Protein backbone atom coordinates (compact mmCIF):
# COMPACT_ATOMS: atom_id res chain seq x y z
CA MET A 1 0.12 -0.24 -0.15
CA SER A 2 1.35 3.19 -0.96
CA ARG A 3 2.08 5.84 1.76
CA VAL A 4 -0.59 8.49 2.41
CA LYS A 5 -0.23 12.10 1.52
CA LEU A 6 -1.12 15.33 2.09
CA ARG A 7 -2.70 15.36 -1.45
CA ASP A 8 -4.69 12.19 -0.66
CA ILE A 9 -6.24 14.06 2.31
CA ALA A 10 -6.84 16.69 1.25
CA ASP A 11 -9.15 15.39 -1.89
CA TYR A 12 -10.47 13.34 0.87
CA THR A 13 -12.15 16.48 3.20
CA GLY A 14 -12.22 18.64 0.35
CA THR A 15 -10.32 20.99 1.38
CA ALA A 16 -6.43 22.66 0.62
CA ILE A 17 -3.50 21.16 1.17
CA SER A 18 -2.42 23.90 2.97
CA THR A 19 -5.18 23.66 5.24
CA VAL A 20 -4.56 20.09 5.61
CA SER A 21 -0.74 20.83 6.50
CA ALA A 22 -1.95 23.71 8.92
CA ALA A 23 -4.51 21.12 10.51
CA LEU A 24 -1.88 18.88 11.02
CA ASN A 25 0.84 20.51 12.25
CA GLY A 26 -0.76 23.09 14.52
CA THR A 27 -0.03 26.44 12.98
CA GLY A 28 -2.02 28.52 10.10
CA ARG A 29 -5.61 29.70 11.07
CA VAL A 30 -8.03 26.62 10.69
CA SER A 31 -10.96 26.37 12.88
CA PRO A 32 -10.82 23.97 15.65
CA ASP A 33 -14.02 22.03 14.03
CA LYS A 34 -12.14 21.59 10.64
CA ALA A 35 -8.86 20.87 12.51
CA LYS A 36 -10.69 17.65 14.17
CA GLN A 37 -11.94 16.88 11.12
CA ILE A 38 -9.25 16.85 9.13
CA ARG A 39 -7.02 15.09 12.14
CA GLU A 40 -9.87 12.46 11.97
CA ALA A 41 -9.34 11.87 8.24
CA ALA A 42 -5.82 11.50 8.43
CA GLU A 43 -5.88 8.51 11.28
CA LYS A 44 -8.80 7.03 9.22
CA LEU A 45 -6.72 6.99 5.70
CA GLY A 46 -3.51 6.17 7.66
CA PHE A 47 -1.51 9.08 7.46
CA LYS A 48 2.36 8.89 9.45
CA PRO A 49 4.05 11.68 9.26
CA ASN A 50 7.53 11.78 9.19
CA LEU A 51 10.13 12.65 11.50
CA ALA A 52 10.38 16.51 10.74
CA ALA A 53 6.70 17.03 10.51
CA GLN A 54 6.12 15.91 13.91
CA LEU A 55 8.92 18.14 15.16
CA LEU A 56 7.26 20.66 13.55
CA LYS A 57 4.06 19.58 15.10
CA ASN A 58 5.46 19.52 18.12
CA HIS A 59 7.07 23.20 18.39
CA GLU A 60 10.41 21.36 18.21
CA VAL A 61 11.73 23.38 15.50
CA ASP A 62 11.34 26.26 12.86
CA ILE A 63 11.89 24.78 9.26
CA PHE A 64 12.41 27.11 6.33
CA GLY A 65 12.46 26.43 2.93
CA LEU A 66 14.98 27.72 0.36
CA ILE A 67 13.10 26.83 -3.37
CA ILE A 68 15.31 27.49 -6.30
CA SER A 69 13.68 27.80 -9.91
CA ASP A 70 16.17 27.13 -12.54
CA ARG A 71 15.66 25.70 -16.04
CA LEU A 72 19.47 24.52 -16.22
CA THR A 73 21.80 26.32 -14.24
CA ARG A 74 24.05 25.17 -12.55
CA LEU A 75 23.92 25.95 -8.55
CA THR A 76 28.14 26.32 -7.74
CA GLY A 77 29.89 29.11 -9.15
CA HIS A 78 26.84 31.05 -10.00
CA GLY A 79 26.65 34.35 -8.52
CA VAL A 80 23.25 35.06 -7.12
CA TYR A 81 22.52 31.60 -5.81
CA SER A 82 25.85 30.36 -4.88
CA GLU A 83 25.72 33.43 -2.24
CA LEU A 84 22.34 32.98 -1.62
CA GLN A 85 22.53 29.67 -0.21
CA GLU A 86 25.60 30.40 1.43
CA LYS A 87 23.60 33.86 3.41
CA PHE A 88 20.50 31.73 3.86
CA LEU A 89 22.33 28.62 5.79
CA ASN A 90 24.06 31.43 7.74
CA GLU A 91 21.41 32.53 8.81
CA CYS A 92 19.04 29.62 9.78
CA ARG A 93 21.96 28.20 11.46
CA ALA A 94 22.32 31.82 13.82
CA GLY A 95 18.37 31.79 14.25
CA LYS A 96 18.83 27.65 15.36
CA ILE A 97 16.25 27.16 12.29
CA ARG A 98 16.29 24.44 10.48
CA THR A 99 16.53 24.23 6.59
CA GLN A 100 14.61 22.82 3.97
CA PHE A 101 16.54 23.01 0.34
CA GLU A 102 14.75 22.33 -3.22
CA LEU A 103 16.26 22.80 -6.62
CA ASP A 104 13.47 22.73 -9.33
CA ARG A 105 13.90 22.35 -12.95
CA THR A 106 10.01 21.59 -13.94
CA GLY A 107 8.70 24.29 -14.08
CA GLY A 108 5.55 23.27 -11.96
CA VAL A 109 4.73 23.63 -7.95
CA PRO A 110 7.85 22.71 -5.90
CA ALA A 111 7.10 19.42 -3.78
CA THR A 112 8.50 21.98 -0.67
CA PHE A 113 4.78 23.35 -0.85
CA SER A 114 2.81 19.46 -1.26
CA ASP A 115 5.18 17.78 1.94
CA GLY A 116 3.66 20.14 4.52
CA ILE A 117 7.42 20.40 6.60
CA ALA A 118 8.24 23.84 5.96
CA LYS A 119 6.81 26.93 7.68
CA GLY A 120 7.79 29.21 5.04
CA VAL A 121 9.68 29.79 2.05
CA ILE A 122 12.55 32.19 0.50
CA HIS A 123 11.84 31.69 -3.76
CA ALA A 124 14.39 32.46 -6.07
CA GLY A 125 13.84 32.13 -9.70
CA VAL A 126 11.29 32.26 -11.87
CA ILE A 127 7.71 31.63 -10.14
CA SER A 128 5.41 29.51 -12.80
CA GLU A 129 2.37 30.18 -13.42
CA PRO A 130 1.73 26.61 -11.80
CA LEU A 131 3.44 27.94 -8.66
CA ARG A 132 1.47 31.65 -9.41
CA ASP A 133 -1.95 29.43 -9.08
CA TRP A 134 -0.61 27.31 -5.89
CA LEU A 135 0.19 30.89 -4.00
CA GLU A 136 -3.36 32.56 -5.18
CA ARG A 137 -4.87 28.87 -3.49
CA ASN A 138 -2.63 29.58 -0.34
CA PRO A 139 -2.57 33.16 0.51
CA ALA A 140 -1.89 32.63 3.75
CA TYR A 141 1.53 30.65 3.24
CA PRO A 142 4.82 32.49 3.96
CA PHE A 143 6.05 32.98 0.92
CA VAL A 144 9.08 35.65 0.30
CA SER A 145 10.27 36.29 -3.58
CA PHE A 146 13.76 36.88 -3.35
CA GLU A 147 15.02 39.51 -7.04
CA GLU A 148 11.38 38.72 -8.37
CA PRO A 149 8.72 40.91 -7.72
CA TRP A 150 6.00 39.19 -5.72
CA LYS A 151 3.24 40.34 -3.25
CA TYR A 152 6.16 40.01 -0.28
CA CYS A 153 9.49 40.44 -1.77
CA VAL A 154 13.34 42.03 -2.16
CA ARG A 155 14.73 42.95 -4.91
CA THR A 156 18.34 44.78 -5.57
CA ASP A 157 17.63 48.27 -6.98
CA PHE A 158 19.21 47.56 -10.35
CA GLU A 159 17.27 50.45 -11.83
CA THR A 160 19.13 53.43 -9.90
CA GLY A 161 22.34 51.02 -9.73
CA VAL A 162 22.42 51.35 -13.70
CA ARG A 163 21.70 55.04 -13.25
CA LYS A 164 24.25 55.81 -11.15
CA ALA A 165 26.64 54.03 -13.59
CA VAL A 166 25.45 55.93 -16.37
CA GLN A 167 26.56 58.95 -14.52
CA TYR A 168 29.37 57.61 -13.72
CA LEU A 169 30.44 56.94 -17.62
CA ALA A 170 30.11 60.39 -18.08
CA ALA A 171 31.54 62.15 -15.48
CA THR A 172 34.24 60.05 -17.13
CA GLY A 173 33.76 61.46 -20.75
CA HIS A 174 31.75 58.34 -22.43
CA HIS A 175 29.67 59.65 -24.94
CA ARG A 176 28.46 56.34 -26.55
CA ILE A 177 27.14 54.12 -24.00
CA GLY A 178 25.95 50.57 -25.06
CA LEU A 179 23.44 48.16 -23.06
CA PHE A 180 23.50 44.83 -23.66
CA CYS A 181 20.08 43.15 -21.47
CA GLY A 182 17.78 39.92 -21.53
CA PRO A 183 14.79 39.52 -22.63
CA ALA A 184 12.20 42.28 -21.44
CA GLN A 185 10.20 40.26 -19.47
CA PHE A 186 12.40 40.07 -16.59
CA ASP A 187 12.80 41.94 -14.17
CA LEU A 188 16.12 42.84 -14.27
CA SER A 189 15.77 43.71 -17.84
CA LYS A 190 13.10 46.34 -16.83
CA GLN A 191 15.01 48.06 -14.40
CA MET A 192 18.24 47.89 -16.15
CA GLU A 193 17.03 49.47 -19.29
CA ALA A 194 14.78 52.00 -17.10
CA GLY A 195 18.02 52.85 -15.43
CA PHE A 196 19.71 53.24 -18.63
CA ARG A 197 17.26 55.24 -20.37
CA GLU A 198 16.81 57.48 -17.22
CA GLY A 199 20.01 57.99 -17.11
CA CYS A 200 20.98 58.84 -20.53
CA LYS A 201 18.12 61.29 -20.31
CA GLU A 202 19.81 62.57 -17.22
CA PHE A 203 23.16 62.96 -17.89
CA GLY A 204 22.87 64.55 -21.59
CA ARG A 205 24.12 61.03 -23.39
CA GLU A 206 22.33 59.97 -26.36
CA ILE A 207 20.23 56.42 -26.73
CA ARG A 208 21.67 54.90 -29.99
CA PRO A 209 19.03 51.80 -30.53
CA GLU A 210 22.17 50.03 -32.54
CA LEU A 211 24.03 50.24 -29.27
CA ILE A 212 20.76 48.29 -26.91
CA ARG A 213 21.28 45.04 -28.00
CA ARG A 214 19.32 41.61 -26.11
CA HIS A 215 20.40 38.39 -25.49
CA SER A 216 18.16 34.94 -25.61
CA LEU A 217 17.22 32.22 -22.86
CA ALA A 218 20.08 30.02 -24.67
CA VAL A 219 22.12 28.46 -21.44
CA GLY A 220 25.47 27.38 -20.98
CA ARG A 221 27.35 26.74 -24.74
CA ASP A 222 24.95 28.08 -26.79
CA HIS A 223 24.36 31.54 -24.30
CA PHE A 224 28.22 32.38 -24.71
CA LEU A 225 28.05 31.78 -28.47
CA GLU A 226 25.47 34.71 -28.53
CA CYS A 227 27.52 36.90 -26.30
CA ALA A 228 29.73 36.69 -28.52
CA GLN A 229 28.19 37.06 -31.61
CA HIS A 230 26.82 40.25 -29.63
CA VAL A 231 30.34 41.54 -28.92
CA ARG A 232 31.21 41.71 -32.27
CA GLU A 233 27.83 43.07 -33.95
CA PHE A 234 28.38 45.95 -31.07
CA PHE A 235 31.79 46.54 -33.17
CA SER A 236 30.55 46.12 -36.60
CA GLY A 237 28.71 49.35 -37.29
CA PRO A 238 29.78 52.64 -38.00
CA VAL A 239 28.98 54.16 -34.75
CA LYS A 240 30.74 51.78 -32.04
CA PRO A 241 30.25 52.26 -28.01
CA ASP A 242 33.30 53.23 -25.88
CA ALA A 243 31.34 52.10 -22.85
CA ILE A 244 28.77 48.81 -22.34
CA ILE A 245 26.83 48.50 -19.61
CA ALA A 246 25.88 44.52 -18.99
CA PRO A 247 23.89 42.09 -16.63
CA GLY A 248 25.97 38.90 -14.86
CA GLN A 249 30.03 38.16 -15.34
CA GLY A 250 28.91 35.93 -18.66
CA PHE A 251 28.95 38.79 -21.32
CA CYS A 252 31.90 40.72 -19.78
CA THR A 253 33.98 37.46 -20.03
CA VAL A 254 33.55 36.89 -23.04
CA ALA A 255 33.62 40.11 -24.26
CA LEU A 256 37.17 40.29 -22.34
CA TYR A 257 38.57 37.12 -24.71
CA GLU A 258 36.39 38.70 -27.54
CA LEU A 259 37.36 42.20 -28.10
CA PRO A 260 41.59 41.85 -28.29
CA ARG A 261 40.45 39.35 -31.14
CA LEU A 262 38.98 42.37 -32.76
CA GLY A 263 41.88 44.59 -31.95
CA VAL A 264 39.72 46.68 -29.00
CA ARG A 265 41.14 46.92 -26.60
CA VAL A 266 39.70 47.21 -22.06
CA PRO A 267 39.34 49.74 -20.52
CA GLU A 268 41.59 52.03 -23.18
CA ASP A 269 39.52 51.82 -26.23
CA VAL A 270 36.07 50.51 -24.87
CA SER A 271 34.80 50.40 -20.85
CA LEU A 272 33.11 47.88 -19.35
CA ILE A 273 30.34 47.49 -16.36
CA GLY A 274 29.36 44.39 -15.34
CA ALA A 275 25.79 43.91 -13.22
CA CYS A 276 27.33 40.74 -10.93
CA SER A 277 28.68 39.65 -7.93
CA GLY A 278 31.96 41.25 -6.63
CA TRP A 279 33.52 37.59 -6.27
CA GLU A 280 32.72 37.06 -9.57
CA ALA A 281 33.78 40.87 -10.94
CA GLU A 282 37.14 39.77 -9.00
CA ARG A 283 38.19 36.58 -10.83
CA VAL A 284 38.64 38.20 -14.16
CA TYR A 285 41.41 40.17 -15.73
CA PRO A 286 41.11 43.06 -15.91
CA GLN A 287 38.63 43.55 -12.93
CA LEU A 288 35.73 44.44 -13.51
CA THR A 289 33.98 47.43 -12.11
CA SER A 290 31.00 46.21 -11.46
CA ILE A 291 26.86 46.99 -10.00
CA GLU A 292 26.92 44.89 -7.01
CA ARG A 293 23.24 43.44 -4.91
CA ASN A 294 23.84 43.50 -0.74
CA ILE A 295 23.44 39.78 -1.03
CA GLU A 296 23.73 40.32 3.36
CA LEU A 297 21.14 43.10 3.85
CA LEU A 298 18.70 40.83 0.88
CA VAL A 299 18.81 37.65 2.88
CA ALA A 300 18.52 39.49 6.12
CA ASN A 301 15.43 41.35 5.06
CA ALA A 302 14.27 38.48 3.54
CA MET A 303 14.46 36.16 6.47
CA LYS A 304 13.18 38.68 8.52
CA MET A 305 10.01 38.98 6.73
CA LEU A 306 9.40 35.54 6.63
CA ARG A 307 9.43 35.08 10.12
CA GLN A 308 6.67 37.70 10.41
CA LEU A 309 4.88 35.98 8.03
CA THR A 310 5.03 32.81 10.37
CA ARG A 311 3.90 34.74 12.70
CA GLY A 312 0.49 35.88 11.34
CA ILE A 313 2.13 39.52 11.42
CA ALA A 314 2.26 41.78 8.16
CA PRO A 315 5.67 43.30 6.91
CA GLU A 316 5.16 47.44 7.36
CA ASN A 317 7.44 47.20 4.02
CA PRO A 318 6.06 44.10 1.83
CA ASN A 319 7.97 45.15 -1.50
CA GLN A 320 11.64 45.83 -0.35
CA LEU A 321 13.89 47.44 -3.04
CA ILE A 322 17.26 47.61 -1.71
CA PRO A 323 20.40 49.87 -3.25
CA ALA A 324 22.90 48.34 -5.51
CA ASP A 325 26.41 49.34 -4.92
CA LEU A 326 28.47 50.81 -8.13
CA VAL A 327 32.33 49.15 -7.23
CA VAL A 328 34.96 50.93 -9.55
CA ARG A 329 37.71 48.93 -10.39
CA ASP A 330 39.95 48.02 -13.42
CA THR A 331 37.36 48.24 -17.04
CA VAL A 332 36.98 51.92 -16.97
CA VAL A 333 39.26 54.50 -18.09
CA SER A 334 38.56 58.00 -18.06
CA ARG A 335 37.99 59.64 -21.74
CA PHE A 336 39.61 62.81 -20.99
CA GLN A 337 43.17 61.68 -20.44
């Protein structure tokens, strides 16, 4: 006989999985009569909670989940996810909170939401349509989105960060500033383009359509080949950039390899600024001037918000934008020299 799951109890009682989880674990807002009905149904069906669920029911430990939803990306060596995992574990260890981690590549509803163990979740990556539907049906479930817009979320203010980068480039004598970003539907791309356009308008730099390029959703080798093609196309027309702002370290790493083959020097002929982590910026040569997220503050604020939600407290600032830092290194030079 197969093991009885929360979904079986939910189907039997005609309730949501989150309601079943709350009733069995003694959390959330479930009426005494409904909770009793669910517990009786669970006993009748032969439901046997695992050790982690029993610990949660007895309030012996808090368990927070970290879910990363991404199609094919590597978790190790990834600027955002590697740091997020480290800081999340450090925060939980300091707060004596147990953790549940899940990498979801299905594009569906991660298993963490149906097993009823985690009291709440920090989620990074794309919020898929199935997950959106689940969250809409379970609005009381504590859910904090990391770097993606949602009801409760923490994000980096890349719009202001890119505007500051344009200001810095203008102050150092750059005039033909290029932008490389991703598909327009992504929050990072929207922020970068908005900050770029705002900065160019504010600091008197012409926005040249031929100097704005977008990458596709290609991954791995295909992504790097695409970046190399964009590098070549930036310098194939009559108007060539004297600076480029790009997301992530990938494009800039490819540019540092590809540009010398075109006879273009960094930073003497073109300056580069990447929106990436500090350790990524420092592991290439020359080291990248970068727009960096404050990962410590992002995770600390996400954890604070999640704690409040698990205790039934509405956060005062549910949609937090954390300022990005512009860190000057070796890939920008003054054009006044």
